[in-house]
C-alpha atoms as a PDB file:
ATOM      1  CA  MET A   1      -1.558  30.461 -27.861  1.00  0.00           C
ATOM      2  CA  ASP A   2      -2.687  27.433 -25.910  1.00  0.00           C
ATOM      3  CA  PHE A   3      -1.077  26.787 -22.573  1.00  0.00           C
ATOM      4  CA  ILE A   4      -1.213  23.241 -21.273  1.00  0.00           C
ATOM      5  CA  PHE A   5      -1.460  23.126 -17.509  1.00  0.00           C
ATOM      6  CA  PRO A   6       0.358  20.304 -15.785  1.00  0.00           C
ATOM      7  CA  GLU A   7      -1.646  17.722 -13.935  1.00  0.00           C
ATOM      8  CA  LEU A   8      -1.820  18.874 -10.330  1.00  0.00           C
ATOM      9  CA  PRO A   9      -1.789  16.646  -7.274  1.00  0.00           C
ATOM     10  CA  PRO A  10      -5.078  16.252  -5.385  1.00  0.00           C
ATOM     11  CA  VAL A  11      -6.011  19.418  -3.492  1.00  0.00           C
ATOM     12  CA  MET A  12      -5.489  17.893  -0.050  1.00  0.00           C
ATOM     13  CA  PHE A  13      -1.867  16.946  -0.946  1.00  0.00           C
ATOM     14  CA  LEU A  14      -1.174  20.246  -2.689  1.00  0.00           C
ATOM     15  CA  THR A  15      -2.540  22.209   0.269  1.00  0.00           C
ATOM     16  CA  GLN A  16      -0.383  20.227   2.672  1.00  0.00           C
ATOM     17  CA  VAL A  17       2.807  20.853   0.709  1.00  0.00           C
ATOM     18  CA  THR A  18       2.103  24.570   0.191  1.00  0.00           C
ATOM     19  CA  ASP A  19       1.211  25.069   3.870  1.00  0.00           C
ATOM     20  CA  HIS A  20       4.101  23.121   5.417  1.00  0.00           C
ATOM     21  CA  CYS A  21       6.970  23.172   2.923  1.00  0.00           C
ATOM     22  CA  PRO A  22       6.171  25.694   0.175  1.00  0.00           C
ATOM     23  CA  GLU A  23       9.744  25.701  -1.139  1.00  0.00           C
ATOM     24  CA  ALA A  24       9.260  22.051  -2.157  1.00  0.00           C
ATOM     25  CA  ALA A  25       5.871  22.604  -3.849  1.00  0.00           C
ATOM     26  CA  SER A  26       7.330  23.065  -7.326  1.00  0.00           C
ATOM     27  CA  LEU A  27       9.317  19.843  -7.023  1.00  0.00           C
ATOM     28  CA  TYR A  28       6.226  17.992  -5.792  1.00  0.00           C
ATOM     29  CA  ILE A  29       4.178  19.118  -8.796  1.00  0.00           C
ATOM     30  CA  LYS A  30       6.994  18.130 -11.176  1.00  0.00           C
ATOM     31  CA  LEU A  31       7.280  14.714  -9.523  1.00  0.00           C
ATOM     32  CA  TRP A  32       3.512  14.273  -9.757  1.00  0.00           C
ATOM     33  CA  ASN A  33       3.696  14.863 -13.506  1.00  0.00           C
ATOM     34  CA  LYS A  34       6.600  12.417 -13.981  1.00  0.00           C
ATOM     35  CA  LYS A  35       5.113   9.525 -12.000  1.00  0.00           C
ATOM     36  CA  ASP A  36       4.197   6.254 -13.671  1.00  0.00           C
ATOM     37  CA  SER A  37       0.960   4.302 -13.217  1.00  0.00           C
ATOM     38  CA  GLU A  38       2.227   2.994  -9.871  1.00  0.00           C
ATOM     39  CA  ASN A  39       3.112   6.508  -8.597  1.00  0.00           C
ATOM     40  CA  GLN A  40       6.838   5.816  -8.883  1.00  0.00           C
ATOM     41  CA  ILE A  41       9.727   7.737 -10.409  1.00  0.00           C
ATOM     42  CA  VAL A  42      13.362   6.753 -10.904  1.00  0.00           C
ATOM     43  CA  ILE A  43      15.696   9.694 -11.486  1.00  0.00           C
ATOM     44  CA  LEU A  44      19.397   9.407 -12.164  1.00  0.00           C
ATOM     45  CA  HIS A  45      21.588  11.803 -10.198  1.00  0.00           C
ATOM     46  CA  GLU A  46      23.051  13.121 -13.437  1.00  0.00           C
ATOM     47  CA  ASP A  47      19.553  14.075 -14.726  1.00  0.00           C
ATOM     48  CA  ILE A  48      18.407  16.071 -11.690  1.00  0.00           C
ATOM     49  CA  ARG A  49      19.996  19.376 -12.667  1.00  0.00           C
ATOM     50  CA  MET A  50      18.520  19.346 -16.184  1.00  0.00           C
ATOM     51  CA  GLU A  51      15.064  18.001 -15.322  1.00  0.00           C
ATOM     52  CA  PHE A  52      14.412  19.838 -12.059  1.00  0.00           C
ATOM     53  CA  LEU A  53      16.827  22.786 -12.222  1.00  0.00           C
ATOM     54  CA  GLU A  54      18.131  21.891  -8.760  1.00  0.00           C
ATOM     55  CA  SER A  55      21.400  20.589  -7.399  1.00  0.00           C
ATOM     56  CA  THR A  56      21.351  17.018  -6.138  1.00  0.00           C
ATOM     57  CA  THR A  57      21.770  18.258  -2.563  1.00  0.00           C
ATOM     58  CA  ARG A  58      18.848  20.677  -2.776  1.00  0.00           C
ATOM     59  CA  PHE A  59      16.735  18.003  -4.508  1.00  0.00           C
ATOM     60  CA  ARG A  60      17.511  15.573  -1.665  1.00  0.00           C
ATOM     61  CA  ASN A  61      16.669  18.204   0.976  1.00  0.00           C
ATOM     62  CA  PHE A  62      13.293  18.882  -0.663  1.00  0.00           C
ATOM     63  CA  LEU A  63      12.597  15.134  -0.790  1.00  0.00           C
ATOM     64  CA  PHE A  64      13.267  14.907   2.958  1.00  0.00           C
ATOM     65  CA  ARG A  65      10.760  17.720   3.556  1.00  0.00           C
ATOM     66  CA  LEU A  66       8.161  15.898   1.469  1.00  0.00           C
ATOM     67  CA  LEU A  67       8.996  12.664   3.314  1.00  0.00           C
ATOM     68  CA  LYS A  68       8.449  14.400   6.644  1.00  0.00           C
ATOM     69  CA  GLU A  69       4.975  15.387   5.428  1.00  0.00           C
ATOM     70  CA  SER A  70       4.311  11.743   4.372  1.00  0.00           C
ATOM     71  CA  LEU A  71       3.847  12.810   0.750  1.00  0.00           C
ATOM     72  CA  VAL A  72       6.665  10.662  -0.675  1.00  0.00           C
ATOM     73  CA  ASN A  73       8.798   7.676   0.143  1.00  0.00           C
ATOM     74  CA  PHE A  74      12.221   7.452  -1.421  1.00  0.00           C
ATOM     75  CA  GLU A  75      15.403   5.484  -1.520  1.00  0.00           C
ATOM     76  CA  GLU A  76      18.683   6.923  -2.679  1.00  0.00           C
ATOM     77  CA  ARG A  77      20.956   4.575  -4.548  1.00  0.00           C
ATOM     78  CA  ASP A  78      24.507   5.140  -5.770  1.00  0.00           C
ATOM     79  CA  ASP A  79      23.338   6.566  -9.088  1.00  0.00           C
ATOM     80  CA  SER A  80      19.655   7.404  -8.662  1.00  0.00           C
ATOM     81  CA  PHE A  81      16.666   8.230  -6.516  1.00  0.00           C
ATOM     82  CA  CYS A  82      13.707   5.823  -6.426  1.00  0.00           C
ATOM     83  CA  ILE A  83      10.691   7.862  -5.375  1.00  0.00           C
ATOM     84  CA  GLU A  84       7.141   6.775  -4.617  1.00  0.00           C
ATOM     85  CA  LEU A  85       4.382   9.348  -4.294  1.00  0.00           C
ATOM     86  CA  VAL A  86       1.652   8.752  -1.751  1.00  0.00           C
ATOM     87  CA  GLY A  87      -1.652   8.227  -3.562  1.00  0.00           C
ATOM     88  CA  TRP A  88      -5.299   8.101  -2.655  1.00  0.00           C
ATOM     89  CA  ASP A  89      -5.087   4.344  -2.054  1.00  0.00           C
ATOM     90  CA  THR A  90      -2.413   4.896   0.622  1.00  0.00           C
ATOM     91  CA  VAL A  91      -4.482   7.618   2.295  1.00  0.00           C
ATOM     92  CA  ASN A  92      -7.579   5.391   2.301  1.00  0.00           C
ATOM     93  CA  GLU A  93      -5.609   2.565   3.942  1.00  0.00           C
ATOM     94  CA  VAL A  94      -4.570   4.852   6.798  1.00  0.00           C
ATOM     95  CA  VAL A  95      -8.071   6.266   7.446  1.00  0.00           C
END
């Protein structure tokens, strides 16, 4: 049986999330695998429970933890979350 591993975030981001907010690490990896070519994800509130196995409240709380670590930016709309993952280009701009 072949097991396909998900694409993992870069080690420096993954280390940061596992060191500072390990409870949000699973969400971060799932977001990383759902991102588009511009590192963005749009998720409807009604899809959160099925796609991430989390309540909307818990999902939001984990996003705030990732935001605090500067790993994501997000905007919550009436019916969805618009999430942007920080990428290497953003890190290089800061350095």
